[in-house]
Amino acid sequence: MKNLIIILIIVVAGWFIIKQIAPKGKPDDAITKYGNTLKNDEDKAKAAAATADVAILQGAVTSYRASNGKFPDTLQELVDKGFLSHMPSGDFTYDAGTGAVGTN
């Protein structure tokens, strides 16, 4: 009986120690948080790239107007007339009446 009590005390103590040193939360929490951080960084990078592309397009529109006295009819005209080497990838809006460039 004395041996049984000692074994029971050892088992309970072991269980208590394991519970104290075991990591808290789900094991995949760190991976999920890291993945979310990467996704947020990717979204920020895409937004920054779109902002830069709009600024490039807006600058080309302004240069076109300075050279031709009017805004281009389309953004593709900026490439066709040599104001841009290529059209940036993305979904852009353009108002030929005001020369305003934006993103969707």
Foldseek 3Di string as FASTA:
>chain_A
DVVVVVVVVVVVVVVVVCVVPDDDDDPCPVVVVVVVVVVVVVVVVVVVVQVVLQVLLLVLQVVCCVVPVAGDPDSVVSCVVVSDVDRDDAAWDADRHVRHIGHD
